[in-house]
N, C-alpha and C. Protein backbone atom coordinates (compact mmCIF):
# COMPACT_ATOMS: atom_id res chain seq x y z
N MET A 1 16.86 -3.92 -17.41
CA MET A 1 16.07 -4.47 -16.32
C MET A 1 15.29 -5.69 -16.83
N SER A 2 15.38 -6.79 -16.11
CA SER A 2 14.68 -8.00 -16.55
C SER A 2 13.19 -7.90 -16.22
N THR A 3 12.41 -8.73 -16.89
CA THR A 3 10.96 -8.71 -16.63
C THR A 3 10.65 -9.13 -15.21
N ASP A 4 11.50 -10.01 -14.62
CA ASP A 4 11.27 -10.44 -13.24
C ASP A 4 11.35 -9.27 -12.28
N SER A 5 12.34 -8.40 -12.45
CA SER A 5 12.48 -7.28 -11.53
C SER A 5 11.38 -6.25 -11.73
N LYS A 6 10.82 -6.15 -12.94
CA LYS A 6 9.70 -5.23 -13.19
C LYS A 6 8.43 -5.74 -12.50
N GLN A 7 8.26 -7.05 -12.49
CA GLN A 7 7.04 -7.63 -11.93
C GLN A 7 7.11 -7.82 -10.42
N ALA A 8 8.30 -7.86 -9.86
CA ALA A 8 8.43 -8.14 -8.44
C ALA A 8 7.64 -7.16 -7.57
N PRO A 9 7.72 -5.83 -7.78
CA PRO A 9 6.93 -4.94 -6.92
C PRO A 9 5.42 -5.21 -7.00
N GLU A 10 4.92 -5.48 -8.19
CA GLU A 10 3.49 -5.78 -8.33
C GLU A 10 3.15 -7.09 -7.61
N THR A 11 4.02 -8.08 -7.73
CA THR A 11 3.79 -9.36 -7.07
C THR A 11 3.83 -9.21 -5.55
N ILE A 12 4.72 -8.35 -5.06
CA ILE A 12 4.79 -8.10 -3.62
C ILE A 12 3.50 -7.47 -3.13
N VAL A 13 2.97 -6.53 -3.89
CA VAL A 13 1.70 -5.88 -3.53
C VAL A 13 0.58 -6.92 -3.52
N MET A 14 0.58 -7.80 -4.51
CA MET A 14 -0.45 -8.85 -4.58
C MET A 14 -0.33 -9.80 -3.39
N ALA A 15 0.89 -10.19 -3.04
CA ALA A 15 1.10 -11.10 -1.92
C ALA A 15 0.63 -10.46 -0.62
N ASP A 16 0.89 -9.18 -0.47
CA ASP A 16 0.44 -8.46 0.72
C ASP A 16 -1.09 -8.42 0.78
N LYS A 17 -1.72 -8.22 -0.37
CA LYS A 17 -3.19 -8.19 -0.41
C LYS A 17 -3.76 -9.57 -0.09
N ILE A 18 -3.11 -10.62 -0.58
CA ILE A 18 -3.56 -11.99 -0.27
C ILE A 18 -3.51 -12.22 1.24
N ARG A 19 -2.41 -11.81 1.87
CA ARG A 19 -2.29 -11.98 3.32
C ARG A 19 -3.42 -11.25 4.04
N TYR A 20 -3.69 -10.03 3.62
CA TYR A 20 -4.75 -9.22 4.22
C TYR A 20 -6.13 -9.87 4.01
N LEU A 21 -6.41 -10.29 2.79
CA LEU A 21 -7.71 -10.90 2.49
C LEU A 21 -7.89 -12.22 3.24
N CYS A 22 -6.83 -13.00 3.34
CA CYS A 22 -6.92 -14.26 4.07
C CYS A 22 -7.21 -14.02 5.55
N SER A 23 -6.64 -12.96 6.11
CA SER A 23 -6.93 -12.67 7.53
C SER A 23 -8.39 -12.29 7.71
N ILE A 24 -8.96 -11.58 6.75
CA ILE A 24 -10.39 -11.22 6.82
C ILE A 24 -11.25 -12.49 6.74
N VAL A 25 -10.94 -13.35 5.77
CA VAL A 25 -11.71 -14.59 5.60
C VAL A 25 -11.60 -15.45 6.86
N THR A 26 -10.40 -15.54 7.42
CA THR A 26 -10.20 -16.34 8.63
C THR A 26 -11.05 -15.82 9.79
N LYS A 27 -11.05 -14.52 10.00
CA LYS A 27 -11.83 -13.95 11.10
C LYS A 27 -13.33 -14.17 10.89
N ILE A 28 -13.79 -13.97 9.67
CA ILE A 28 -15.21 -14.16 9.38
C ILE A 28 -15.58 -15.64 9.50
N ALA A 29 -14.73 -16.53 9.00
CA ALA A 29 -15.00 -17.97 9.09
C ALA A 29 -15.04 -18.43 10.54
N ARG A 30 -14.14 -17.92 11.38
CA ARG A 30 -14.12 -18.29 12.80
C ARG A 30 -15.40 -17.82 13.49
N ALA A 31 -15.81 -16.59 13.20
CA ALA A 31 -17.05 -16.07 13.80
C ALA A 31 -18.26 -16.86 13.30
N ASP A 32 -18.24 -17.24 12.03
CA ASP A 32 -19.32 -18.04 11.45
C ASP A 32 -19.40 -19.40 12.13
N LEU A 33 -18.25 -20.02 12.36
CA LEU A 33 -18.22 -21.31 13.06
C LEU A 33 -18.75 -21.15 14.48
N GLN A 34 -18.33 -20.09 15.17
CA GLN A 34 -18.81 -19.88 16.54
C GLN A 34 -20.32 -19.70 16.58
N THR A 35 -20.87 -19.00 15.60
CA THR A 35 -22.33 -18.85 15.51
C THR A 35 -22.99 -20.22 15.35
N ARG A 36 -22.43 -21.06 14.47
CA ARG A 36 -23.00 -22.40 14.26
C ARG A 36 -22.92 -23.22 15.55
N LEU A 37 -21.80 -23.12 16.26
CA LEU A 37 -21.65 -23.85 17.52
C LEU A 37 -22.66 -23.37 18.55
N ASP A 38 -22.85 -22.05 18.62
CA ASP A 38 -23.83 -21.48 19.56
C ASP A 38 -25.25 -21.89 19.19
N ASN A 39 -25.55 -21.88 17.90
CA ASN A 39 -26.90 -22.26 17.43
C ASN A 39 -27.22 -23.73 17.73
N HIS A 40 -26.20 -24.55 17.84
CA HIS A 40 -26.40 -25.97 18.16
C HIS A 40 -26.19 -26.26 19.65
N ASP A 41 -26.15 -25.19 20.45
CA ASP A 41 -25.98 -25.33 21.91
C ASP A 41 -24.85 -26.30 22.26
N SER A 42 -23.75 -26.14 21.58
CA SER A 42 -22.63 -27.07 21.77
C SER A 42 -21.89 -26.84 23.08
N GLY A 43 -21.86 -25.60 23.54
CA GLY A 43 -21.13 -25.29 24.76
C GLY A 43 -19.63 -25.26 24.57
N ILE A 44 -19.17 -25.22 23.31
CA ILE A 44 -17.74 -25.17 23.05
C ILE A 44 -17.42 -23.98 22.15
N THR A 45 -16.13 -23.63 22.16
CA THR A 45 -15.66 -22.52 21.33
C THR A 45 -15.12 -23.07 20.01
N ALA A 46 -14.84 -22.14 19.10
CA ALA A 46 -14.30 -22.53 17.79
C ALA A 46 -12.96 -23.26 17.94
N ILE A 47 -12.12 -22.81 18.84
CA ILE A 47 -10.82 -23.47 19.02
C ILE A 47 -11.01 -24.87 19.62
N GLU A 48 -11.97 -25.02 20.53
CA GLU A 48 -12.26 -26.35 21.08
C GLU A 48 -12.80 -27.27 19.97
N HIS A 49 -13.62 -26.72 19.10
CA HIS A 49 -14.14 -27.49 17.97
C HIS A 49 -12.99 -27.97 17.09
N GLY A 50 -11.99 -27.10 16.88
CA GLY A 50 -10.83 -27.49 16.08
C GLY A 50 -10.09 -28.67 16.68
N VAL A 51 -9.95 -28.68 17.99
CA VAL A 51 -9.29 -29.81 18.66
C VAL A 51 -10.12 -31.08 18.46
N LEU A 52 -11.43 -30.98 18.65
CA LEU A 52 -12.30 -32.15 18.45
C LEU A 52 -12.21 -32.65 17.00
N ARG A 53 -12.17 -31.71 16.05
CA ARG A 53 -12.09 -32.08 14.64
C ARG A 53 -10.81 -32.89 14.38
N HIS A 54 -9.68 -32.42 14.90
CA HIS A 54 -8.43 -33.14 14.67
C HIS A 54 -8.42 -34.49 15.38
N LEU A 55 -8.96 -34.55 16.58
CA LEU A 55 -9.03 -35.83 17.27
C LEU A 55 -9.95 -36.81 16.54
N SER A 56 -11.01 -36.31 15.94
CA SER A 56 -11.92 -37.19 15.21
C SER A 56 -11.28 -37.71 13.92
N SER A 57 -10.23 -37.02 13.46
CA SER A 57 -9.49 -37.45 12.26
C SER A 57 -8.33 -38.36 12.60
N GLY A 58 -8.14 -38.66 13.89
CA GLY A 58 -7.09 -39.58 14.30
C GLY A 58 -5.82 -38.92 14.79
N VAL A 59 -5.74 -37.59 14.76
CA VAL A 59 -4.57 -36.90 15.31
C VAL A 59 -4.67 -36.99 16.83
N ALA A 60 -3.60 -37.43 17.48
CA ALA A 60 -3.70 -37.65 18.92
C ALA A 60 -2.71 -36.87 19.77
N SER A 61 -1.70 -36.30 19.17
CA SER A 61 -0.71 -35.62 20.00
C SER A 61 -0.99 -34.13 20.08
N MET A 62 -0.70 -33.57 21.23
CA MET A 62 -0.87 -32.14 21.46
C MET A 62 0.02 -31.36 20.48
N ALA A 63 1.24 -31.83 20.27
CA ALA A 63 2.17 -31.15 19.37
C ALA A 63 1.63 -31.11 17.95
N GLU A 64 1.07 -32.21 17.49
CA GLU A 64 0.54 -32.27 16.13
C GLU A 64 -0.68 -31.36 15.98
N ILE A 65 -1.57 -31.38 16.95
CA ILE A 65 -2.74 -30.50 16.90
C ILE A 65 -2.30 -29.05 16.92
N SER A 66 -1.33 -28.74 17.75
CA SER A 66 -0.80 -27.38 17.84
C SER A 66 -0.28 -26.93 16.48
N ARG A 67 0.49 -27.78 15.84
CA ARG A 67 1.06 -27.45 14.53
C ARG A 67 -0.02 -27.28 13.46
N LEU A 68 -0.97 -28.19 13.43
CA LEU A 68 -2.03 -28.12 12.43
C LEU A 68 -2.93 -26.91 12.61
N MET A 69 -3.17 -26.52 13.85
CA MET A 69 -4.06 -25.40 14.11
C MET A 69 -3.33 -24.06 14.16
N GLY A 70 -2.01 -24.11 14.21
CA GLY A 70 -1.25 -22.86 14.32
C GLY A 70 -1.46 -22.17 15.65
N VAL A 71 -1.62 -22.97 16.70
CA VAL A 71 -1.86 -22.46 18.05
C VAL A 71 -0.67 -22.89 18.91
N ALA A 72 -0.18 -21.99 19.74
CA ALA A 72 0.94 -22.31 20.62
C ALA A 72 0.56 -23.44 21.57
N PRO A 73 1.48 -24.37 21.80
CA PRO A 73 1.19 -25.47 22.74
C PRO A 73 0.74 -24.97 24.11
N SER A 74 1.30 -23.85 24.57
CA SER A 74 0.91 -23.32 25.88
C SER A 74 -0.56 -22.89 25.89
N THR A 75 -1.05 -22.39 24.77
CA THR A 75 -2.47 -22.02 24.66
C THR A 75 -3.33 -23.28 24.58
N LEU A 76 -2.84 -24.25 23.83
CA LEU A 76 -3.61 -25.48 23.62
C LEU A 76 -3.80 -26.25 24.93
N ILE A 77 -2.87 -26.14 25.84
CA ILE A 77 -3.00 -26.84 27.13
C ILE A 77 -4.28 -26.41 27.83
N TYR A 78 -4.54 -25.10 27.85
CA TYR A 78 -5.75 -24.59 28.50
C TYR A 78 -7.02 -25.05 27.77
N VAL A 79 -6.94 -25.09 26.45
CA VAL A 79 -8.09 -25.55 25.65
C VAL A 79 -8.37 -27.02 25.96
N VAL A 80 -7.34 -27.84 25.96
CA VAL A 80 -7.51 -29.27 26.24
C VAL A 80 -7.97 -29.48 27.67
N ASP A 81 -7.42 -28.71 28.61
CA ASP A 81 -7.89 -28.81 30.01
C ASP A 81 -9.40 -28.58 30.08
N GLY A 82 -9.89 -27.60 29.34
CA GLY A 82 -11.33 -27.32 29.33
C GLY A 82 -12.12 -28.46 28.74
N LEU A 83 -11.61 -29.04 27.66
CA LEU A 83 -12.31 -30.18 27.03
C LEU A 83 -12.29 -31.40 27.94
N VAL A 84 -11.21 -31.60 28.67
CA VAL A 84 -11.14 -32.72 29.62
C VAL A 84 -12.14 -32.49 30.75
N SER A 85 -12.22 -31.26 31.25
CA SER A 85 -13.16 -30.99 32.36
C SER A 85 -14.62 -31.12 31.91
N LYS A 86 -14.88 -30.91 30.62
CA LYS A 86 -16.23 -31.09 30.08
C LYS A 86 -16.49 -32.55 29.71
N ARG A 87 -15.49 -33.39 29.93
CA ARG A 87 -15.56 -34.82 29.62
C ARG A 87 -15.79 -35.09 28.13
N LEU A 88 -15.17 -34.26 27.29
CA LEU A 88 -15.25 -34.43 25.84
C LEU A 88 -13.99 -35.10 25.30
N VAL A 89 -12.89 -34.93 26.02
CA VAL A 89 -11.58 -35.45 25.62
C VAL A 89 -10.94 -36.09 26.84
N LYS A 90 -10.12 -37.12 26.59
CA LYS A 90 -9.36 -37.69 27.71
C LYS A 90 -7.90 -37.77 27.33
N ARG A 91 -7.08 -37.65 28.36
CA ARG A 91 -5.64 -37.79 28.20
C ARG A 91 -5.28 -39.24 28.49
N GLY A 92 -4.38 -39.76 27.70
CA GLY A 92 -3.91 -41.12 27.93
C GLY A 92 -2.48 -41.11 28.43
N LYS A 93 -1.93 -42.27 28.54
CA LYS A 93 -0.53 -42.44 28.96
C LYS A 93 0.20 -43.19 27.87
N ASP A 94 1.38 -42.72 27.53
CA ASP A 94 2.23 -43.41 26.56
C ASP A 94 3.22 -44.25 27.37
N PRO A 95 3.15 -45.59 27.27
CA PRO A 95 4.03 -46.44 28.06
C PRO A 95 5.51 -46.26 27.70
N ASN A 96 5.77 -45.74 26.50
CA ASN A 96 7.16 -45.58 26.04
C ASN A 96 7.73 -44.19 26.33
N ASP A 97 6.86 -43.24 26.67
CA ASP A 97 7.32 -41.87 26.92
C ASP A 97 6.40 -41.24 27.95
N ARG A 98 6.88 -41.11 29.18
CA ARG A 98 6.04 -40.59 30.26
C ARG A 98 5.63 -39.14 30.04
N ARG A 99 6.39 -38.40 29.22
CA ARG A 99 6.06 -36.99 28.97
C ARG A 99 4.90 -36.86 27.99
N ARG A 100 4.68 -37.86 27.19
CA ARG A 100 3.65 -37.79 26.15
C ARG A 100 2.30 -38.25 26.69
N GLU A 101 1.28 -37.42 26.45
CA GLU A 101 -0.09 -37.77 26.85
C GLU A 101 -0.98 -37.76 25.62
N PRO A 102 -1.13 -38.91 24.97
CA PRO A 102 -2.00 -38.95 23.79
C PRO A 102 -3.43 -38.55 24.17
N LEU A 103 -4.07 -37.84 23.26
CA LEU A 103 -5.44 -37.39 23.49
C LEU A 103 -6.39 -38.24 22.67
N SER A 104 -7.58 -38.41 23.19
CA SER A 104 -8.62 -39.11 22.43
C SER A 104 -9.98 -38.53 22.80
N LEU A 105 -10.92 -38.72 21.90
CA LEU A 105 -12.29 -38.26 22.15
C LEU A 105 -12.99 -39.20 23.11
N GLU A 106 -13.68 -38.63 24.07
CA GLU A 106 -14.60 -39.41 24.89
C GLU A 106 -15.84 -39.64 24.03
N LYS A 107 -16.69 -40.59 24.42
CA LYS A 107 -17.93 -40.83 23.66
C LYS A 107 -18.76 -39.56 23.56
N LYS A 108 -18.83 -38.82 24.65
CA LYS A 108 -19.59 -37.56 24.68
C LYS A 108 -19.01 -36.55 23.68
N GLY A 109 -17.68 -36.49 23.57
CA GLY A 109 -17.03 -35.58 22.63
C GLY A 109 -17.28 -35.99 21.19
N ALA A 110 -17.21 -37.28 20.92
CA ALA A 110 -17.46 -37.78 19.56
C ALA A 110 -18.92 -37.52 19.17
N ALA A 111 -19.83 -37.75 20.10
CA ALA A 111 -21.25 -37.51 19.83
C ALA A 111 -21.52 -36.03 19.56
N LEU A 112 -20.93 -35.17 20.37
CA LEU A 112 -21.10 -33.74 20.17
C LEU A 112 -20.54 -33.32 18.82
N PHE A 113 -19.34 -33.75 18.50
CA PHE A 113 -18.73 -33.38 17.23
C PHE A 113 -19.56 -33.85 16.05
N SER A 114 -20.09 -35.06 16.13
CA SER A 114 -20.85 -35.62 15.00
C SER A 114 -22.20 -34.93 14.80
N ARG A 115 -22.75 -34.32 15.84
CA ARG A 115 -24.07 -33.67 15.67
C ARG A 115 -23.97 -32.23 15.17
N ILE A 116 -22.77 -31.68 15.12
CA ILE A 116 -22.59 -30.31 14.61
C ILE A 116 -22.23 -30.41 13.14
N PRO A 117 -23.06 -29.87 12.26
CA PRO A 117 -22.75 -29.97 10.83
C PRO A 117 -21.46 -29.22 10.49
N LYS A 118 -20.68 -29.80 9.57
CA LYS A 118 -19.45 -29.15 9.14
C LYS A 118 -19.75 -27.76 8.59
N MET A 119 -20.82 -27.69 7.83
CA MET A 119 -21.21 -26.45 7.19
C MET A 119 -22.70 -26.57 6.90
N ASP A 120 -23.40 -25.47 6.91
CA ASP A 120 -24.80 -25.52 6.53
C ASP A 120 -25.17 -24.28 5.73
N ILE A 121 -26.38 -24.27 5.23
CA ILE A 121 -26.85 -23.22 4.33
C ILE A 121 -26.87 -21.84 4.98
N SER A 122 -26.89 -21.79 6.31
CA SER A 122 -26.92 -20.50 6.99
C SER A 122 -25.54 -19.83 7.08
N SER A 123 -24.50 -20.57 6.72
CA SER A 123 -23.14 -20.04 6.80
C SER A 123 -22.96 -18.85 5.86
N VAL A 124 -22.29 -17.81 6.36
CA VAL A 124 -22.00 -16.65 5.51
C VAL A 124 -21.09 -17.04 4.35
N LEU A 125 -20.25 -18.04 4.55
CA LEU A 125 -19.38 -18.50 3.47
C LEU A 125 -20.20 -19.17 2.36
N VAL A 126 -21.14 -20.01 2.77
CA VAL A 126 -22.02 -20.67 1.80
C VAL A 126 -22.84 -19.62 1.05
N LYS A 127 -23.39 -18.68 1.79
CA LYS A 127 -24.22 -17.64 1.16
C LYS A 127 -23.40 -16.82 0.16
N ARG A 128 -22.17 -16.48 0.53
CA ARG A 128 -21.34 -15.69 -0.38
C ARG A 128 -21.00 -16.48 -1.63
N LEU A 129 -20.68 -17.77 -1.46
CA LEU A 129 -20.39 -18.61 -2.62
C LEU A 129 -21.62 -18.75 -3.51
N GLU A 130 -22.79 -18.86 -2.89
CA GLU A 130 -24.04 -18.97 -3.66
C GLU A 130 -24.29 -17.71 -4.49
N ASP A 131 -23.80 -16.57 -4.05
CA ASP A 131 -23.95 -15.32 -4.80
C ASP A 131 -23.07 -15.28 -6.05
N MET A 132 -22.08 -16.16 -6.10
CA MET A 132 -21.17 -16.20 -7.25
C MET A 132 -21.71 -17.19 -8.29
N LYS A 133 -21.39 -16.94 -9.56
CA LYS A 133 -21.75 -17.90 -10.60
C LYS A 133 -21.03 -19.21 -10.33
N GLU A 134 -21.68 -20.32 -10.69
CA GLU A 134 -21.11 -21.63 -10.41
C GLU A 134 -19.70 -21.79 -10.99
N THR A 135 -19.49 -21.33 -12.21
CA THR A 135 -18.17 -21.46 -12.82
C THR A 135 -17.12 -20.67 -12.05
N ARG A 136 -17.48 -19.50 -11.55
CA ARG A 136 -16.54 -18.68 -10.76
C ARG A 136 -16.24 -19.35 -9.42
N ARG A 137 -17.28 -19.95 -8.80
CA ARG A 137 -17.07 -20.67 -7.54
C ARG A 137 -16.06 -21.79 -7.73
N ARG A 138 -16.28 -22.59 -8.75
CA ARG A 138 -15.38 -23.73 -9.01
C ARG A 138 -13.96 -23.24 -9.32
N GLU A 139 -13.87 -22.21 -10.11
CA GLU A 139 -12.57 -21.64 -10.46
C GLU A 139 -11.87 -21.09 -9.21
N PHE A 140 -12.62 -20.39 -8.38
CA PHE A 140 -12.08 -19.81 -7.15
C PHE A 140 -11.51 -20.90 -6.25
N VAL A 141 -12.28 -21.95 -6.02
CA VAL A 141 -11.83 -23.03 -5.15
C VAL A 141 -10.63 -23.75 -5.76
N ALA A 142 -10.66 -23.98 -7.06
CA ALA A 142 -9.53 -24.65 -7.72
C ALA A 142 -8.26 -23.80 -7.63
N LEU A 143 -8.37 -22.51 -7.83
CA LEU A 143 -7.21 -21.62 -7.75
C LEU A 143 -6.68 -21.55 -6.32
N LEU A 144 -7.57 -21.45 -5.36
CA LEU A 144 -7.15 -21.39 -3.96
C LEU A 144 -6.47 -22.70 -3.56
N ASP A 145 -7.02 -23.81 -3.99
CA ASP A 145 -6.44 -25.12 -3.70
C ASP A 145 -5.04 -25.22 -4.33
N GLU A 146 -4.91 -24.80 -5.57
CA GLU A 146 -3.62 -24.82 -6.26
C GLU A 146 -2.61 -23.93 -5.54
N PHE A 147 -3.05 -22.75 -5.13
CA PHE A 147 -2.18 -21.80 -4.44
C PHE A 147 -1.68 -22.39 -3.12
N VAL A 148 -2.60 -22.93 -2.33
CA VAL A 148 -2.24 -23.48 -1.02
C VAL A 148 -1.31 -24.67 -1.17
N GLN A 149 -1.60 -25.57 -2.11
CA GLN A 149 -0.77 -26.76 -2.27
C GLN A 149 0.63 -26.41 -2.75
N GLY A 150 0.81 -25.24 -3.36
CA GLY A 150 2.14 -24.84 -3.82
C GLY A 150 2.96 -24.13 -2.77
N LEU A 151 2.40 -23.89 -1.59
CA LEU A 151 3.14 -23.21 -0.53
C LEU A 151 4.04 -24.20 0.21
N PRO A 152 5.27 -23.78 0.54
CA PRO A 152 6.17 -24.69 1.27
C PRO A 152 5.59 -25.01 2.65
N GLY A 153 5.59 -26.30 2.98
CA GLY A 153 5.06 -26.74 4.27
C GLY A 153 3.57 -27.01 4.27
N ALA A 154 2.89 -26.68 3.16
CA ALA A 154 1.44 -26.87 3.12
C ALA A 154 1.05 -28.33 3.28
N GLU A 155 1.89 -29.23 2.77
CA GLU A 155 1.55 -30.66 2.87
C GLU A 155 1.46 -31.10 4.32
N LYS A 156 2.12 -30.38 5.23
CA LYS A 156 2.07 -30.72 6.65
C LYS A 156 0.86 -30.09 7.35
N LEU A 157 0.28 -29.09 6.73
CA LEU A 157 -0.83 -28.36 7.36
C LEU A 157 -2.16 -28.59 6.67
N TYR A 158 -2.12 -28.89 5.41
CA TYR A 158 -3.32 -28.94 4.60
C TYR A 158 -3.96 -30.30 4.69
N LEU A 159 -5.18 -30.33 5.19
CA LEU A 159 -5.95 -31.57 5.23
C LEU A 159 -6.91 -31.55 4.06
N SER A 160 -6.83 -32.54 3.21
CA SER A 160 -7.70 -32.55 2.04
C SER A 160 -9.17 -32.66 2.46
N ALA A 161 -10.04 -32.29 1.56
CA ALA A 161 -11.48 -32.35 1.84
C ALA A 161 -11.90 -33.77 2.18
N GLU A 162 -11.21 -34.75 1.60
CA GLU A 162 -11.57 -36.14 1.88
C GLU A 162 -11.31 -36.49 3.35
N SER A 163 -10.22 -35.96 3.91
CA SER A 163 -9.92 -36.28 5.31
C SER A 163 -10.73 -35.46 6.28
N GLU A 164 -11.28 -34.35 5.81
CA GLU A 164 -12.13 -33.50 6.66
C GLU A 164 -13.48 -34.13 6.71
């Protein structure tokens, strides 16, 4: 038996645990973001904030936002409709493709997005990181970054901290 086949079951267990832990972090991070949005009287949901974030980074197509957020286009239509009705986002017209409606931030949407801090000291994520030793924090982030960048397709989904 090769060493690869001996390690495969352990690696499968580890991969399953990573998937489970990531789902926990995602749920907690989403709830944390919603709390921050509510505390700033934003009047928007976490998913609406995600759309504003991508539009503020220059992403303009519904398909691209859908792919980056991992949200079905059919779901995103309702989210964008809500943002349009709140006058935070506007739909444009593509002269070359009548089916395409590029999205852009309205001034009100850009102002709202800019006044909500990306992260603040009250975040449960910040607090948890603060509980860790600085060297462990840096190591954790570096390992997570390395792991994510090594995943197939990550380059299409992963926005570097500089672009965020």
